Each structure stands twice: as C-alpha cells, then as structure tokens.
C-alpha cells in the first residue's frame, strides 16, 4: 500500500513510559507518554495492539496490563506480543560451563529474587487464552548472539546481537547481581570482563529465542 494511502486509512499511536523522540515523523503516526501499568487514558478501541520489549511485571500487574490491552481492543482486533526469552541456548552445547552461561543463570536467579522472571513471554499464551483470544499463534525464532552461523545474513545479525548483549551485560549486572544476590563488585567486574571476551568468540554457538504470541478478539 502506498504511504499516502496508508496515512489516510490507519493511524498509529506509539506509547512508552518515557518520552519518545522519533528521528522522523509521518502524518499518520503519533507518540504519547503512558505508563501501561496504570489505567489507560484512551477512549477509543484499537484494531491492533503490539507490545514489544515490555518488561516483566509482578503477577497482579501483569494481569492488569493484559486486561487493559483486552479492554481497549475492538471486536475482531489482534494482540501481538514480542520479546526475548532470556535463556542462553546452544544446539551443540558449546556454551556449557562458560562464564556466559554462568551469567545468564545468575541473572535469572537474581531477577527471580526480585520477584520477576526472564521467561515471562511463556505466560502470554495463558494470559491471552484466559481473556478469550481466538486464532492464537506462537512463533519462536532462534537468534545468534555472535557471528557463528555460516549464513552471511545471520552473521550480521549475530554481530549486532553481540554489541546489544554486551551493552545489556554492562547495564544490568551490578543492579541485579550486587543488589539481589549480594555479589561483590569485584566478582561482578570479573564476570563482565569474561563475558566480553567469550561472547564474540565464534567457537561458541550461543542463541536466544525471540518469541511472538498473537491472537484475535472475537467479533
């Protein structure tokens, strides 16, 4: 569909807890600052609600967020949720016993101690089904964390994932491992350093799953 025609037939609203400053604007796109854990300020219903990269919430808040999504979806509309299942995997077990694997396990324990979960996307099917979703579909995409695959396209994706993952490691290790598991700063610095050395090494074949769950509200 030509852009001019699309802008006349649909309107896209992006929301985030922080103000969004897009690099460019389109006539049919707008952005608002909204905390999705609070009552939604929208009077209209939507034909399609897409949630991507939404963090985990405590169980009661998680239920409330999905209630808001469902209540603001029009009959016949679709909900789609996409996020990472943060478990380090490797088909050939090449990451077994690595410091990267140790980091993922430690972060999982730390987040659990803080009342969250790194596997909360696995809950989406239950949450959607409980609200009456139809035509429910689940898609899981293994995404490499470094440039180990033979495919040039996947090598490029893996290289980008290395960069993105290392930035996450630097950002969350201290708050989670020091804060929740009482690791020392020295131990945190050590595992960060080892992670930075291991992850780009293509003798390891790590991947994580990008998971999408979507379904339709009955007419």
C-alpha atoms as a PDB file:
ATOM      1  CA  UNK A   1       0.000   0.000   0.000  1.00  0.00           C
ATOM      2  CA  UNK A   2       1.457   3.423  -0.889  1.00  0.00           C
ATOM      3  CA  UNK A   3       2.442   5.539   2.107  1.00  0.00           C
ATOM      4  CA  UNK A   4      -0.015   8.282   1.136  1.00  0.00           C
ATOM      5  CA  UNK A   5      -2.862   5.768   1.032  1.00  0.00           C
ATOM      6  CA  UNK A   6      -1.822   4.139   4.319  1.00  0.00           C
ATOM      7  CA  UNK A   7      -1.784   7.505   6.091  1.00  0.00           C
ATOM      8  CA  UNK A   8      -5.383   8.049   5.020  1.00  0.00           C
ATOM      9  CA  UNK A   9      -6.648   4.648   6.188  1.00  0.00           C
ATOM     10  CA  UNK A  10      -4.909   3.991   9.502  1.00  0.00           C
ATOM     11  CA  UNK A  11      -3.495   5.823  12.477  1.00  0.00           C
ATOM     12  CA  UNK A  12      -0.593   4.524  14.550  1.00  0.00           C
ATOM     13  CA  UNK A  13      -0.094   5.541  18.169  1.00  0.00           C
ATOM     14  CA  UNK A  14       3.130   4.637  19.938  1.00  0.00           C
ATOM     15  CA  UNK A  15       3.304   4.754  23.729  1.00  0.00           C
ATOM     16  CA  UNK A  16       6.165   4.437  26.196  1.00  0.00           C
ATOM     17  CA  UNK A  17       6.836   5.247  29.819  1.00  0.00           C
ATOM     18  CA  UNK A  18       9.475   7.761  28.682  1.00  0.00           C
ATOM     19  CA  UNK A  19       9.030  10.471  26.022  1.00  0.00           C
ATOM     20  CA  UNK A  20       9.821   9.218  22.519  1.00  0.00           C
ATOM     21  CA  UNK A  21      11.624  11.481  20.055  1.00  0.00           C
ATOM     22  CA  UNK A  22      11.495   9.750  16.656  1.00  0.00           C
ATOM     23  CA  UNK A  23      14.186  10.501  14.053  1.00  0.00           C
ATOM     24  CA  UNK A  24      11.451  11.476  11.610  1.00  0.00           C
ATOM     25  CA  UNK A  25       7.673  11.837  11.640  1.00  0.00           C
ATOM     26  CA  UNK A  26       4.855  10.578   9.465  1.00  0.00           C
ATOM     27  CA  UNK A  27       1.404  12.132   9.177  1.00  0.00           C
ATOM     28  CA  UNK A  28      -0.366   9.036  10.496  1.00  0.00           C
ATOM     29  CA  UNK A  29       1.972   8.395  13.476  1.00  0.00           C
ATOM     30  CA  UNK A  30       1.945   9.924  16.947  1.00  0.00           C
ATOM     31  CA  UNK A  31       3.655   9.194  20.268  1.00  0.00           C
ATOM     32  CA  UNK A  32       2.430   9.641  23.823  1.00  0.00           C
ATOM     33  CA  UNK A  33       3.969   9.074  27.236  1.00  0.00           C
ATOM     34  CA  UNK A  34       1.858   6.469  29.019  1.00  0.00           C
ATOM     35  CA  UNK A  35       2.519   4.080  31.913  1.00  0.00           C
ATOM     36  CA  UNK A  36       0.760   0.917  30.753  1.00  0.00           C
ATOM     37  CA  UNK A  37       0.543  -0.365  34.338  1.00  0.00           C
ATOM     38  CA  UNK A  38      -1.886   2.483  35.126  1.00  0.00           C
ATOM     39  CA  UNK A  39      -5.427   2.883  33.731  1.00  0.00           C
ATOM     40  CA  UNK A  40      -5.150   3.641  30.025  1.00  0.00           C
ATOM     41  CA  UNK A  41      -6.299   7.183  29.071  1.00  0.00           C
ATOM     42  CA  UNK A  42      -7.760   6.214  25.688  1.00  0.00           C
ATOM     43  CA  UNK A  43     -11.477   6.394  24.931  1.00  0.00           C
ATOM     44  CA  UNK A  44     -11.298   4.645  21.566  1.00  0.00           C
ATOM     45  CA  UNK A  45     -10.602   0.988  20.888  1.00  0.00           C
ATOM     46  CA  UNK A  46      -7.819  -0.275  18.663  1.00  0.00           C
ATOM     47  CA  UNK A  47      -7.765  -2.759  15.801  1.00  0.00           C
ATOM     48  CA  UNK A  48      -4.246  -3.939  16.617  1.00  0.00           C
ATOM     49  CA  UNK A  49      -2.139  -3.699  19.773  1.00  0.00           C
ATOM     50  CA  UNK A  50       1.536  -4.605  19.534  1.00  0.00           C
ATOM     51  CA  UNK A  51       3.718  -4.859  22.645  1.00  0.00           C
ATOM     52  CA  UNK A  52       7.439  -5.277  22.100  1.00  0.00           C
ATOM     53  CA  UNK A  53      10.228  -5.328  24.652  1.00  0.00           C
ATOM     54  CA  UNK A  54       7.807  -4.823  27.542  1.00  0.00           C
ATOM     55  CA  UNK A  55       9.486  -5.825  30.811  1.00  0.00           C
ATOM     56  CA  UNK A  56       8.079  -8.323  33.242  1.00  0.00           C
ATOM     57  CA  UNK A  57       5.697  -7.174  35.953  1.00  0.00           C
ATOM     58  CA  UNK A  58       4.518  -8.709  39.250  1.00  0.00           C
ATOM     59  CA  UNK A  59       1.660 -11.197  38.637  1.00  0.00           C
ATOM     60  CA  UNK A  60      -1.145  -8.808  39.620  1.00  0.00           C
ATOM     61  CA  UNK A  61       0.246  -6.009  37.456  1.00  0.00           C
ATOM     62  CA  UNK A  62       0.783  -8.430  34.559  1.00  0.00           C
ATOM     63  CA  UNK A  63      -2.902  -9.383  34.719  1.00  0.00           C
ATOM     64  CA  UNK A  64      -3.933  -5.712  34.846  1.00  0.00           C
ATOM     65  CA  UNK A  65      -1.830  -4.833  31.808  1.00  0.00           C
ATOM     66  CA  UNK A  66      -3.435  -7.597  29.760  1.00  0.00           C
ATOM     67  CA  UNK A  67      -6.879  -6.520  30.986  1.00  0.00           C
ATOM     68  CA  UNK A  68      -6.130  -3.024  29.664  1.00  0.00           C
ATOM     69  CA  UNK A  69      -4.950  -4.401  26.334  1.00  0.00           C
ATOM     70  CA  UNK A  70      -8.029  -6.598  26.008  1.00  0.00           C
ATOM     71  CA  UNK A  71     -10.499  -3.891  27.069  1.00  0.00           C
ATOM     72  CA  UNK A  72      -9.047  -1.420  24.547  1.00  0.00           C
ATOM     73  CA  UNK A  73      -9.122  -3.894  21.671  1.00  0.00           C
ATOM     74  CA  UNK A  74     -12.068  -3.694  19.307  1.00  0.00           C
ATOM     75  CA  UNK A  75     -14.053  -6.772  18.211  1.00  0.00           C
ATOM     76  CA  UNK A  76     -12.025  -8.708  15.652  1.00  0.00           C
ATOM     77  CA  UNK A  77      -8.848  -6.890  16.671  1.00  0.00           C
ATOM     78  CA  UNK A  78      -5.479  -8.511  17.249  1.00  0.00           C
ATOM     79  CA  UNK A  79      -2.979  -8.505  20.121  1.00  0.00           C
ATOM     80  CA  UNK A  80       0.657  -9.297  19.357  1.00  0.00           C
ATOM     81  CA  UNK A  81       3.417  -9.549  21.962  1.00  0.00           C
ATOM     82  CA  UNK A  82       7.095  -9.951  21.102  1.00  0.00           C
ATOM     83  CA  UNK A  83      10.018 -10.300  23.466  1.00  0.00           C
ATOM     84  CA  UNK A  84      13.143 -12.289  24.242  1.00  0.00           C
ATOM     85  CA  UNK A  85      13.096 -15.469  26.285  1.00  0.00           C
ATOM     86  CA  UNK A  86      16.323 -14.780  28.121  1.00  0.00           C
ATOM     87  CA  UNK A  87      17.789 -18.273  28.295  1.00  0.00           C
ATOM     88  CA  UNK A  88      21.179 -18.949  26.762  1.00  0.00           C
ATOM     89  CA  UNK A  89      20.951 -21.904  24.393  1.00  0.00           C
ATOM     90  CA  UNK A  90      23.311 -23.783  22.087  1.00  0.00           C
ATOM     91  CA  UNK A  91      22.377 -26.767  19.928  1.00  0.00           C
ATOM     92  CA  UNK A  92      25.855 -28.300  20.276  1.00  0.00           C
ATOM     93  CA  UNK A  93      26.261 -27.444  23.993  1.00  0.00           C
ATOM     94  CA  UNK A  94      29.292 -25.323  23.157  1.00  0.00           C
ATOM     95  CA  UNK A  95      28.300 -22.747  25.800  1.00  0.00           C
ATOM     96  CA  UNK A  96      28.028 -25.328  28.570  1.00  0.00           C
ATOM     97  CA  UNK A  97      30.221 -24.368  31.515  1.00  0.00           C
ATOM     98  CA  UNK A  98      31.114 -20.942  30.099  1.00  0.00           C
ATOM     99  CA  UNK A  99      31.073 -17.700  32.011  1.00  0.00           C
ATOM    100  CA  UNK A 100      28.331 -16.501  29.656  1.00  0.00           C
ATOM    101  CA  UNK A 101      26.171 -19.401  30.791  1.00  0.00           C
ATOM    102  CA  UNK A 102      27.028 -18.631  34.413  1.00  0.00           C
ATOM    103  CA  UNK A 103      25.986 -15.001  33.905  1.00  0.00           C
ATOM    104  CA  UNK A 104      22.610 -15.961  32.426  1.00  0.00           C
ATOM    105  CA  UNK A 105      21.920 -18.376  35.283  1.00  0.00           C
ATOM    106  CA  UNK A 106      22.950 -15.808  37.891  1.00  0.00           C
ATOM    107  CA  UNK A 107      20.808 -13.089  36.310  1.00  0.00           C
ATOM    108  CA  UNK A 108      17.846 -15.477  36.238  1.00  0.00           C
ATOM    109  CA  UNK A 109      18.290 -16.184  39.950  1.00  0.00           C
ATOM    110  CA  UNK A 110      18.686 -12.503  40.717  1.00  0.00           C
ATOM    111  CA  UNK A 111      15.621 -11.418  38.771  1.00  0.00           C
ATOM    112  CA  UNK A 112      13.632 -14.215  40.426  1.00  0.00           C
ATOM    113  CA  UNK A 113      14.777 -12.998  43.849  1.00  0.00           C
ATOM    114  CA  UNK A 114      13.482  -9.547  42.860  1.00  0.00           C
ATOM    115  CA  UNK A 115      10.050 -11.023  42.043  1.00  0.00           C
ATOM    116  CA  UNK A 116      10.420 -11.149  38.254  1.00  0.00           C
ATOM    117  CA  UNK A 117      11.113 -13.692  35.555  1.00  0.00           C
ATOM    118  CA  UNK A 118      13.251 -13.826  32.416  1.00  0.00           C
ATOM    119  CA  UNK A 119      10.819 -16.307  30.856  1.00  0.00           C
ATOM    120  CA  UNK A 120       7.614 -14.316  31.260  1.00  0.00           C
ATOM    121  CA  UNK A 121       6.821 -14.394  27.489  1.00  0.00           C
ATOM    122  CA  UNK A 122       5.901 -18.039  28.082  1.00  0.00           C
ATOM    123  CA  UNK A 123       2.948 -16.671  30.102  1.00  0.00           C
ATOM    124  CA  UNK A 124       1.396 -14.791  27.190  1.00  0.00           C
ATOM    125  CA  UNK A 125      -0.498 -17.783  25.836  1.00  0.00           C
ATOM    126  CA  UNK A 126      -2.216 -18.325  29.190  1.00  0.00           C
ATOM    127  CA  UNK A 127      -2.991 -14.627  29.605  1.00  0.00           C
ATOM    128  CA  UNK A 128      -4.499 -14.348  26.135  1.00  0.00           C
ATOM    129  CA  UNK A 129      -6.434 -17.607  26.357  1.00  0.00           C
ATOM    130  CA  UNK A 130      -7.915 -16.604  29.727  1.00  0.00           C
ATOM    131  CA  UNK A 131      -9.367 -13.484  28.089  1.00  0.00           C
ATOM    132  CA  UNK A 132     -10.960 -15.353  25.221  1.00  0.00           C
ATOM    133  CA  UNK A 133      -8.361 -14.908  22.482  1.00  0.00           C
ATOM    134  CA  UNK A 134      -9.021 -16.890  19.309  1.00  0.00           C
ATOM    135  CA  UNK A 135      -6.706 -17.964  16.486  1.00  0.00           C
ATOM    136  CA  UNK A 136      -3.796 -17.973  18.902  1.00  0.00           C
ATOM    137  CA  UNK A 137      -0.404 -18.448  17.276  1.00  0.00           C
ATOM    138  CA  UNK A 138       3.127 -18.706  18.715  1.00  0.00           C
ATOM    139  CA  UNK A 139       6.306 -18.102  16.753  1.00  0.00           C
ATOM    140  CA  UNK A 140       9.801 -18.753  18.108  1.00  0.00           C
ATOM    141  CA  UNK A 141      12.898 -17.504  16.304  1.00  0.00           C
ATOM    142  CA  UNK A 142      16.403 -18.574  17.392  1.00  0.00           C
ATOM    143  CA  UNK A 143      18.711 -15.562  17.106  1.00  0.00           C
ATOM    144  CA  UNK A 144      22.512 -15.974  17.270  1.00  0.00           C
ATOM    145  CA  UNK A 145      24.422 -13.943  19.832  1.00  0.00           C
ATOM    146  CA  UNK A 146      27.615 -13.794  17.778  1.00  0.00           C
ATOM    147  CA  UNK A 147      28.697 -14.305  14.158  1.00  0.00           C
ATOM    148  CA  UNK A 148      28.999 -18.114  14.313  1.00  0.00           C
ATOM    149  CA  UNK A 149      26.339 -19.111  11.703  1.00  0.00           C
ATOM    150  CA  UNK A 150      27.512 -19.863   8.136  1.00  0.00           C
ATOM    151  CA  UNK A 151      24.882 -17.557   6.642  1.00  0.00           C
ATOM    152  CA  UNK A 152      26.174 -14.042   5.898  1.00  0.00           C
ATOM    153  CA  UNK A 153      22.820 -12.593   6.923  1.00  0.00           C
ATOM    154  CA  UNK A 154      22.851 -14.412  10.265  1.00  0.00           C
ATOM    155  CA  UNK A 155      26.486 -13.429  10.813  1.00  0.00           C
ATOM    156  CA  UNK A 156      25.466  -9.785  10.506  1.00  0.00           C
ATOM    157  CA  UNK A 157      22.559 -10.310  12.890  1.00  0.00           C
ATOM    158  CA  UNK A 158      24.859 -12.165  15.308  1.00  0.00           C
ATOM    159  CA  UNK A 159      27.392  -9.334  15.266  1.00  0.00           C
ATOM    160  CA  UNK A 160      24.687  -6.804  16.071  1.00  0.00           C
ATOM    161  CA  UNK A 161      23.389  -9.061  18.830  1.00  0.00           C
ATOM    162  CA  UNK A 162      26.890  -9.246  20.324  1.00  0.00           C
ATOM    163  CA  UNK A 163      27.009  -5.477  20.573  1.00  0.00           C
ATOM    164  CA  UNK A 164      23.494  -5.226  22.000  1.00  0.00           C
ATOM    165  CA  UNK A 165      24.017  -8.046  24.502  1.00  0.00           C
ATOM    166  CA  UNK A 166      27.282  -6.633  25.820  1.00  0.00           C
ATOM    167  CA  UNK A 167      25.595  -3.295  26.486  1.00  0.00           C
ATOM    168  CA  UNK A 168      22.891  -5.110  28.491  1.00  0.00           C
ATOM    169  CA  UNK A 169      25.517  -7.038  30.465  1.00  0.00           C
ATOM    170  CA  UNK A 170      27.253  -3.809  31.423  1.00  0.00           C
ATOM    171  CA  UNK A 171      23.948  -2.194  32.419  1.00  0.00           C
ATOM    172  CA  UNK A 172      22.224  -4.900  34.496  1.00  0.00           C
ATOM    173  CA  UNK A 173      24.979  -6.934  36.139  1.00  0.00           C
ATOM    174  CA  UNK A 174      25.595  -4.581  39.052  1.00  0.00           C
ATOM    175  CA  UNK A 175      21.972  -3.828  39.981  1.00  0.00           C
ATOM    176  CA  UNK A 176      20.897  -7.487  39.760  1.00  0.00           C
ATOM    177  CA  UNK A 177      23.901  -9.452  40.990  1.00  0.00           C
ATOM    178  CA  UNK A 178      25.122  -6.956  43.579  1.00  0.00           C
ATOM    179  CA  UNK A 179      21.641  -5.835  44.591  1.00  0.00           C
ATOM    180  CA  UNK A 180      19.757  -9.142  44.656  1.00  0.00           C
ATOM    181  CA  UNK A 181      22.432 -11.823  45.079  1.00  0.00           C
ATOM    182  CA  UNK A 182      24.908  -9.749  47.122  1.00  0.00           C
ATOM    183  CA  UNK A 183      27.822 -10.376  44.768  1.00  0.00           C
ATOM    184  CA  UNK A 184      30.854  -8.216  45.384  1.00  0.00           C
ATOM    185  CA  UNK A 185      31.743  -5.522  42.871  1.00  0.00           C
ATOM    186  CA  UNK A 186      34.955  -7.403  42.144  1.00  0.00           C
ATOM    187  CA  UNK A 187      33.027 -10.564  41.217  1.00  0.00           C
ATOM    188  CA  UNK A 188      30.645  -8.555  39.050  1.00  0.00           C
ATOM    189  CA  UNK A 189      33.524  -6.844  37.249  1.00  0.00           C
ATOM    190  CA  UNK A 190      35.202 -10.217  36.697  1.00  0.00           C
ATOM    191  CA  UNK A 191      32.179 -11.885  35.110  1.00  0.00           C
ATOM    192  CA  UNK A 192      31.526  -8.820  32.951  1.00  0.00           C
ATOM    193  CA  UNK A 193      35.102  -8.959  31.689  1.00  0.00           C
ATOM    194  CA  UNK A 194      34.896 -12.688  30.969  1.00  0.00           C
ATOM    195  CA  UNK A 195      31.550 -12.249  29.220  1.00  0.00           C
ATOM    196  CA  UNK A 196      33.060  -9.588  26.941  1.00  0.00           C
ATOM    197  CA  UNK A 197      35.854 -11.988  25.995  1.00  0.00           C
ATOM    198  CA  UNK A 198      33.686 -15.071  25.443  1.00  0.00           C
ATOM    199  CA  UNK A 199      30.633 -13.779  23.634  1.00  0.00           C
ATOM    200  CA  UNK A 200      32.315 -12.633  20.388  1.00  0.00           C
ATOM    201  CA  UNK A 201      34.261 -15.928  20.186  1.00  0.00           C
ATOM    202  CA  UNK A 202      32.665 -17.901  17.344  1.00  0.00           C
ATOM    203  CA  UNK A 203      33.913 -21.221  18.700  1.00  0.00           C
ATOM    204  CA  UNK A 204      30.869 -20.799  20.967  1.00  0.00           C
ATOM    205  CA  UNK A 205      27.464 -21.042  19.267  1.00  0.00           C
ATOM    206  CA  UNK A 206      25.023 -19.217  21.555  1.00  0.00           C
ATOM    207  CA  UNK A 207      21.497 -18.133  20.695  1.00  0.00           C
ATOM    208  CA  UNK A 208      18.386 -16.915  22.449  1.00  0.00           C
ATOM    209  CA  UNK A 209      14.751 -17.134  21.395  1.00  0.00           C
ATOM    210  CA  UNK A 210      12.715 -14.200  20.129  1.00  0.00           C
ATOM    211  CA  UNK A 211       9.126 -15.165  20.827  1.00  0.00           C
ATOM    212  CA  UNK A 212       5.943 -13.722  19.340  1.00  0.00           C
ATOM    213  CA  UNK A 213       2.466 -14.647  20.545  1.00  0.00           C
ATOM    214  CA  UNK A 214      -0.612 -13.230  18.874  1.00  0.00           C
ATOM    215  CA  UNK A 215      -4.346 -13.783  18.878  1.00  0.00           C
ATOM    216  CA  UNK A 216      -7.685 -12.266  17.902  1.00  0.00           C
ATOM    217  CA  UNK A 217     -10.567 -10.894  19.935  1.00  0.00           C
ATOM    218  CA  UNK A 218     -13.872 -12.442  18.843  1.00  0.00           C
ATOM    219  CA  UNK A 219     -16.326 -10.281  16.890  1.00  0.00           C
END
